[in-house]
């Protein structure tokens, strides 16, 4: 399935848009790989790099929409849904962390000596 999506994505690439978007996508991929290689992987940082990489891929597909096939449009929909889902999970996780920090702050009274 991955070979089909990558071959169809390549089919509608114009040389100008690919050259312009390649450095951004390459850097986003580099940053995501760097996050994966960390000893202590943080969910938020990893998710942010995934979101950035997915957003760049979505932007590339949107720029070439006129030349894209039906398969490419399906890929675009999947990537957009994945990005939204990941952003929702990240927002939920941040809310959980804020609530936990607030709870810890309230439950630990300061000692007066």
N, C-alpha and C. Protein backbone atom coordinates (compact mmCIF):
# COMPACT_ATOMS: atom_id res chain seq x y z
N UNK A 1 0.82 -1.19 0.00
CA UNK A 1 0.00 0.00 0.00
C UNK A 1 0.87 1.25 0.00
N UNK A 2 1.98 1.22 0.71
CA UNK A 2 2.86 2.38 0.78
C UNK A 2 3.50 2.66 -0.57
N UNK A 3 3.82 1.60 -1.32
CA UNK A 3 4.43 1.81 -2.62
C UNK A 3 3.45 2.45 -3.59
N UNK A 4 2.19 2.09 -3.48
CA UNK A 4 1.17 2.67 -4.36
C UNK A 4 1.01 4.15 -4.08
N UNK A 5 0.94 4.52 -2.81
CA UNK A 5 0.74 5.93 -2.48
C UNK A 5 1.95 6.76 -2.84
N UNK A 6 3.15 6.22 -2.66
CA UNK A 6 4.33 7.01 -2.99
C UNK A 6 4.50 7.14 -4.49
N UNK A 7 4.16 6.10 -5.25
CA UNK A 7 4.29 6.20 -6.70
C UNK A 7 3.27 7.15 -7.28
N UNK A 8 2.06 7.18 -6.71
CA UNK A 8 1.05 8.11 -7.22
C UNK A 8 1.38 9.54 -6.82
N UNK A 9 2.00 9.72 -5.67
CA UNK A 9 2.39 11.07 -5.26
C UNK A 9 3.47 11.61 -6.18
N UNK A 10 4.36 10.74 -6.60
CA UNK A 10 5.43 11.17 -7.48
C UNK A 10 4.89 11.50 -8.86
N UNK A 11 3.82 10.85 -9.27
CA UNK A 11 3.29 11.06 -10.61
C UNK A 11 2.77 12.46 -10.85
N UNK A 12 2.32 13.15 -9.82
CA UNK A 12 1.77 14.48 -10.04
C UNK A 12 2.68 15.58 -9.52
N UNK A 13 3.97 15.29 -9.37
CA UNK A 13 4.92 16.29 -8.89
C UNK A 13 5.43 17.12 -10.06
N UNK A 14 5.31 18.42 -9.93
CA UNK A 14 5.94 19.29 -10.91
C UNK A 14 7.33 19.60 -10.40
N UNK A 15 8.28 19.80 -11.30
CA UNK A 15 9.67 19.98 -10.89
C UNK A 15 9.86 21.25 -10.08
N UNK A 16 9.12 22.32 -10.37
CA UNK A 16 9.27 23.57 -9.62
C UNK A 16 8.76 23.43 -8.19
N UNK A 17 7.57 22.85 -8.01
CA UNK A 17 7.01 22.74 -6.67
C UNK A 17 7.79 21.73 -5.84
N UNK A 18 8.29 20.68 -6.46
CA UNK A 18 9.07 19.68 -5.74
C UNK A 18 10.39 20.27 -5.26
N UNK A 19 11.02 21.08 -6.10
CA UNK A 19 12.28 21.69 -5.72
C UNK A 19 12.09 22.69 -4.59
N UNK A 20 10.99 23.41 -4.61
CA UNK A 20 10.74 24.41 -3.57
C UNK A 20 10.36 23.77 -2.24
N UNK A 21 9.60 22.70 -2.28
CA UNK A 21 9.11 22.07 -1.06
C UNK A 21 10.08 21.05 -0.49
N UNK A 22 11.01 20.56 -1.28
CA UNK A 22 11.92 19.51 -0.84
C UNK A 22 12.74 19.89 0.38
N UNK A 23 13.35 21.08 0.45
CA UNK A 23 14.13 21.42 1.65
C UNK A 23 13.29 21.45 2.93
N UNK A 24 12.09 21.99 2.86
CA UNK A 24 11.23 22.04 4.04
C UNK A 24 10.84 20.64 4.50
N UNK A 25 10.46 19.81 3.56
CA UNK A 25 10.05 18.45 3.89
C UNK A 25 11.23 17.65 4.42
N UNK A 26 12.38 17.81 3.78
CA UNK A 26 13.58 17.10 4.23
C UNK A 26 13.95 17.50 5.65
N UNK A 27 13.86 18.79 5.95
CA UNK A 27 14.18 19.26 7.29
C UNK A 27 13.17 18.75 8.31
N UNK A 28 11.90 18.76 7.96
CA UNK A 28 10.87 18.25 8.87
C UNK A 28 11.08 16.76 9.14
N UNK A 29 11.45 16.02 8.12
CA UNK A 29 11.74 14.60 8.28
C UNK A 29 12.97 14.40 9.16
N UNK A 30 13.99 15.23 8.95
CA UNK A 30 15.20 15.17 9.78
C UNK A 30 14.85 15.42 11.25
N UNK A 31 14.03 16.44 11.51
CA UNK A 31 13.65 16.76 12.89
C UNK A 31 12.85 15.62 13.52
N UNK A 32 11.97 15.01 12.75
CA UNK A 32 11.17 13.90 13.27
C UNK A 32 12.07 12.71 13.60
N UNK A 33 13.01 12.42 12.73
CA UNK A 33 13.95 11.31 13.00
C UNK A 33 14.80 11.61 14.22
N UNK A 34 15.21 12.87 14.38
CA UNK A 34 15.99 13.25 15.55
C UNK A 34 15.18 13.03 16.83
N UNK A 35 13.90 13.35 16.80
CA UNK A 35 13.05 13.12 17.96
C UNK A 35 12.91 11.63 18.26
N UNK A 36 12.81 10.83 17.22
CA UNK A 36 12.69 9.38 17.42
C UNK A 36 13.95 8.77 18.02
N UNK A 37 15.10 9.36 17.72
CA UNK A 37 16.37 8.82 18.19
C UNK A 37 16.74 9.27 19.60
N UNK A 38 16.00 10.20 20.15
CA UNK A 38 16.28 10.65 21.51
C UNK A 38 16.15 9.50 22.49
N UNK A 39 16.97 9.56 23.53
CA UNK A 39 16.90 8.53 24.56
C UNK A 39 15.57 8.59 25.30
N UNK A 40 15.17 9.78 25.65
CA UNK A 40 13.93 9.98 26.39
C UNK A 40 12.94 10.69 25.47
N UNK A 41 12.18 9.92 24.72
CA UNK A 41 11.25 10.48 23.75
C UNK A 41 10.07 11.11 24.49
N UNK A 42 9.78 12.36 24.13
CA UNK A 42 8.66 13.06 24.73
C UNK A 42 7.51 13.06 23.74
N UNK A 43 6.33 12.65 24.22
CA UNK A 43 5.16 12.53 23.36
C UNK A 43 4.84 13.85 22.66
N UNK A 44 4.88 14.94 23.39
CA UNK A 44 4.51 16.24 22.82
C UNK A 44 5.46 16.65 21.70
N UNK A 45 6.76 16.53 21.93
CA UNK A 45 7.74 16.91 20.91
C UNK A 45 7.61 16.03 19.68
N UNK A 46 7.45 14.74 19.90
CA UNK A 46 7.31 13.80 18.79
C UNK A 46 6.04 14.11 17.99
N UNK A 47 4.97 14.40 18.68
CA UNK A 47 3.72 14.73 18.01
C UNK A 47 3.83 16.03 17.22
N UNK A 48 4.52 17.01 17.78
CA UNK A 48 4.70 18.29 17.07
C UNK A 48 5.46 18.08 15.76
N UNK A 49 6.51 17.25 15.79
CA UNK A 49 7.26 17.02 14.56
C UNK A 49 6.42 16.23 13.55
N UNK A 50 5.59 15.30 14.04
CA UNK A 50 4.70 14.56 13.14
C UNK A 50 3.69 15.51 12.49
N UNK A 51 3.14 16.42 13.29
CA UNK A 51 2.17 17.38 12.78
C UNK A 51 2.82 18.27 11.73
N UNK A 52 4.03 18.74 12.02
CA UNK A 52 4.73 19.61 11.08
C UNK A 52 5.00 18.88 9.76
N UNK A 53 5.48 17.65 9.85
CA UNK A 53 5.77 16.87 8.66
C UNK A 53 4.50 16.59 7.86
N UNK A 54 3.44 16.21 8.53
CA UNK A 54 2.17 15.94 7.85
C UNK A 54 1.61 17.20 7.20
N UNK A 55 1.72 18.33 7.89
CA UNK A 55 1.24 19.60 7.32
C UNK A 55 2.00 19.94 6.04
N UNK A 56 3.30 19.71 6.03
CA UNK A 56 4.08 19.97 4.82
C UNK A 56 3.66 19.06 3.67
N UNK A 57 3.42 17.80 3.97
CA UNK A 57 2.98 16.86 2.93
C UNK A 57 1.60 17.26 2.39
N UNK A 58 0.73 17.69 3.28
CA UNK A 58 -0.60 18.14 2.85
C UNK A 58 -0.47 19.37 1.96
N UNK A 59 0.37 20.32 2.36
CA UNK A 59 0.57 21.53 1.55
C UNK A 59 1.11 21.19 0.16
N UNK A 60 2.05 20.24 0.10
CA UNK A 60 2.60 19.84 -1.20
C UNK A 60 1.51 19.26 -2.10
N UNK A 61 0.67 18.41 -1.52
CA UNK A 61 -0.41 17.82 -2.32
C UNK A 61 -1.42 18.87 -2.76
N UNK A 62 -1.73 19.82 -1.89
CA UNK A 62 -2.68 20.87 -2.24
C UNK A 62 -2.16 21.74 -3.38
N UNK A 63 -0.85 21.97 -3.43
CA UNK A 63 -0.28 22.78 -4.50
C UNK A 63 -0.40 22.11 -5.85
N UNK A 64 -0.42 20.78 -5.86
CA UNK A 64 -0.50 20.05 -7.12
C UNK A 64 -1.86 19.41 -7.33
N UNK A 65 -2.88 19.91 -6.70
CA UNK A 65 -4.20 19.29 -6.75
C UNK A 65 -4.77 19.15 -8.15
N UNK A 66 -4.51 20.08 -9.02
CA UNK A 66 -5.07 20.04 -10.37
C UNK A 66 -4.55 18.83 -11.15
N UNK A 67 -3.34 18.40 -10.86
CA UNK A 67 -2.72 17.29 -11.59
C UNK A 67 -2.82 15.96 -10.86
N UNK A 68 -3.44 15.93 -9.71
CA UNK A 68 -3.45 14.72 -8.89
C UNK A 68 -4.56 13.75 -9.29
N UNK A 69 -4.29 12.50 -9.02
CA UNK A 69 -5.27 11.45 -9.31
C UNK A 69 -6.22 11.28 -8.12
N UNK A 70 -7.19 10.42 -8.30
CA UNK A 70 -8.15 10.11 -7.24
C UNK A 70 -7.42 9.51 -6.03
N UNK A 71 -6.44 8.69 -6.30
CA UNK A 71 -5.65 8.07 -5.24
C UNK A 71 -4.92 9.12 -4.41
N UNK A 72 -4.39 10.15 -5.09
CA UNK A 72 -3.71 11.24 -4.39
C UNK A 72 -4.68 12.00 -3.50
N UNK A 73 -5.90 12.18 -3.96
CA UNK A 73 -6.90 12.87 -3.15
C UNK A 73 -7.27 12.04 -1.91
N UNK A 74 -7.31 10.73 -2.08
CA UNK A 74 -7.56 9.86 -0.93
C UNK A 74 -6.43 9.99 0.09
N UNK A 75 -5.20 10.07 -0.40
CA UNK A 75 -4.05 10.25 0.48
C UNK A 75 -4.16 11.57 1.22
N UNK A 76 -4.58 12.61 0.51
CA UNK A 76 -4.75 13.93 1.12
C UNK A 76 -5.77 13.88 2.26
N UNK A 77 -6.88 13.20 2.02
CA UNK A 77 -7.91 13.08 3.05
C UNK A 77 -7.37 12.32 4.26
N UNK A 78 -6.67 11.23 4.02
CA UNK A 78 -6.10 10.44 5.12
C UNK A 78 -5.10 11.25 5.93
N UNK A 79 -4.23 11.99 5.24
CA UNK A 79 -3.23 12.81 5.93
C UNK A 79 -3.89 13.90 6.76
N UNK A 80 -4.93 14.51 6.21
CA UNK A 80 -5.64 15.57 6.92
C UNK A 80 -6.32 15.01 8.17
N UNK A 81 -6.95 13.85 8.04
CA UNK A 81 -7.60 13.22 9.19
C UNK A 81 -6.57 12.84 10.25
N UNK A 82 -5.43 12.32 9.82
CA UNK A 82 -4.37 11.94 10.75
C UNK A 82 -3.87 13.17 11.51
N UNK A 83 -3.66 14.25 10.78
CA UNK A 83 -3.17 15.49 11.41
C UNK A 83 -4.17 16.01 12.44
N UNK A 84 -5.44 16.04 12.08
CA UNK A 84 -6.48 16.50 13.02
C UNK A 84 -6.54 15.62 14.26
N UNK A 85 -6.46 14.31 14.05
CA UNK A 85 -6.50 13.38 15.17
C UNK A 85 -5.30 13.59 16.10
N UNK A 86 -4.14 13.76 15.53
CA UNK A 86 -2.93 13.97 16.32
C UNK A 86 -2.99 15.29 17.08
N UNK A 87 -3.50 16.33 16.44
CA UNK A 87 -3.64 17.62 17.12
C UNK A 87 -4.63 17.51 18.27
N UNK A 88 -5.70 16.76 18.07
CA UNK A 88 -6.70 16.57 19.13
C UNK A 88 -6.09 15.82 20.32
N UNK A 89 -5.32 14.77 20.04
CA UNK A 89 -4.66 14.02 21.11
C UNK A 89 -3.67 14.90 21.87
N UNK A 90 -2.96 15.73 21.13
CA UNK A 90 -1.98 16.62 21.75
C UNK A 90 -2.66 17.65 22.65
N UNK A 91 -3.77 18.22 22.17
CA UNK A 91 -4.52 19.18 23.00
C UNK A 91 -5.04 18.50 24.27
N UNK A 92 -5.55 17.28 24.12
CA UNK A 92 -6.07 16.52 25.26
C UNK A 92 -4.94 16.24 26.26
N UNK A 93 -3.79 15.85 25.76
CA UNK A 93 -2.63 15.56 26.63
C UNK A 93 -2.18 16.81 27.38
N UNK A 94 -2.18 17.94 26.69
CA UNK A 94 -1.79 19.20 27.36
C UNK A 94 -2.78 19.55 28.47
N UNK A 95 -4.07 19.34 28.21
CA UNK A 95 -5.08 19.60 29.24
C UNK A 95 -4.86 18.68 30.44
N UNK A 96 -4.54 17.42 30.17
CA UNK A 96 -4.28 16.47 31.26
C UNK A 96 -3.09 16.92 32.09
N UNK A 97 -2.03 17.35 31.42
CA UNK A 97 -0.83 17.77 32.14
C UNK A 97 -1.09 19.03 32.97
N UNK A 98 -1.87 19.96 32.42
CA UNK A 98 -2.22 21.17 33.18
C UNK A 98 -3.04 20.81 34.42
N UNK A 99 -4.01 19.92 34.24
CA UNK A 99 -4.84 19.50 35.37
C UNK A 99 -4.01 18.77 36.41
N UNK A 100 -3.08 17.95 35.98
CA UNK A 100 -2.21 17.23 36.91
C UNK A 100 -1.31 18.19 37.67
N UNK A 101 -0.75 19.17 36.97
CA UNK A 101 0.10 20.16 37.62
C UNK A 101 -0.70 20.97 38.64
N UNK A 102 -1.92 21.33 38.28
CA UNK A 102 -2.78 22.09 39.18
C UNK A 102 -3.13 21.25 40.40
N UNK A 103 -3.42 19.98 40.19
CA UNK A 103 -3.75 19.08 41.29
C UNK A 103 -2.57 18.89 42.23
N UNK A 104 -1.38 18.74 41.68
CA UNK A 104 -0.18 18.58 42.49
C UNK A 104 0.11 19.84 43.29
N UNK A 105 -0.12 20.98 42.69
CA UNK A 105 0.12 22.25 43.36
C UNK A 105 -0.82 22.41 44.55
N UNK A 106 -2.06 21.99 44.39
CA UNK A 106 -3.06 22.11 45.45
C UNK A 106 -2.84 21.07 46.54
N UNK A 107 -2.48 19.85 46.18
CA UNK A 107 -2.40 18.76 47.16
C UNK A 107 -1.12 18.78 47.98
N UNK A 108 -0.10 19.50 47.56
CA UNK A 108 1.15 19.55 48.31
C UNK A 108 1.23 20.89 49.05
N UNK A 109 0.88 20.89 50.34
CA UNK A 109 0.95 22.15 51.09
C UNK A 109 2.41 22.48 51.42
N UNK A 110 2.69 23.76 51.49
CA UNK A 110 4.04 24.20 51.84
C UNK A 110 4.22 24.10 53.35
N UNK A 111 5.41 23.67 53.76
CA UNK A 111 5.71 23.55 55.18
C UNK A 111 6.26 24.88 55.70
N UNK A 112 5.76 25.27 56.81
CA UNK A 112 6.24 26.49 57.45
C UNK A 112 7.07 26.09 58.66
N UNK A 113 8.29 26.58 58.73
CA UNK A 113 9.17 26.22 59.85
C UNK A 113 9.42 27.39 60.74
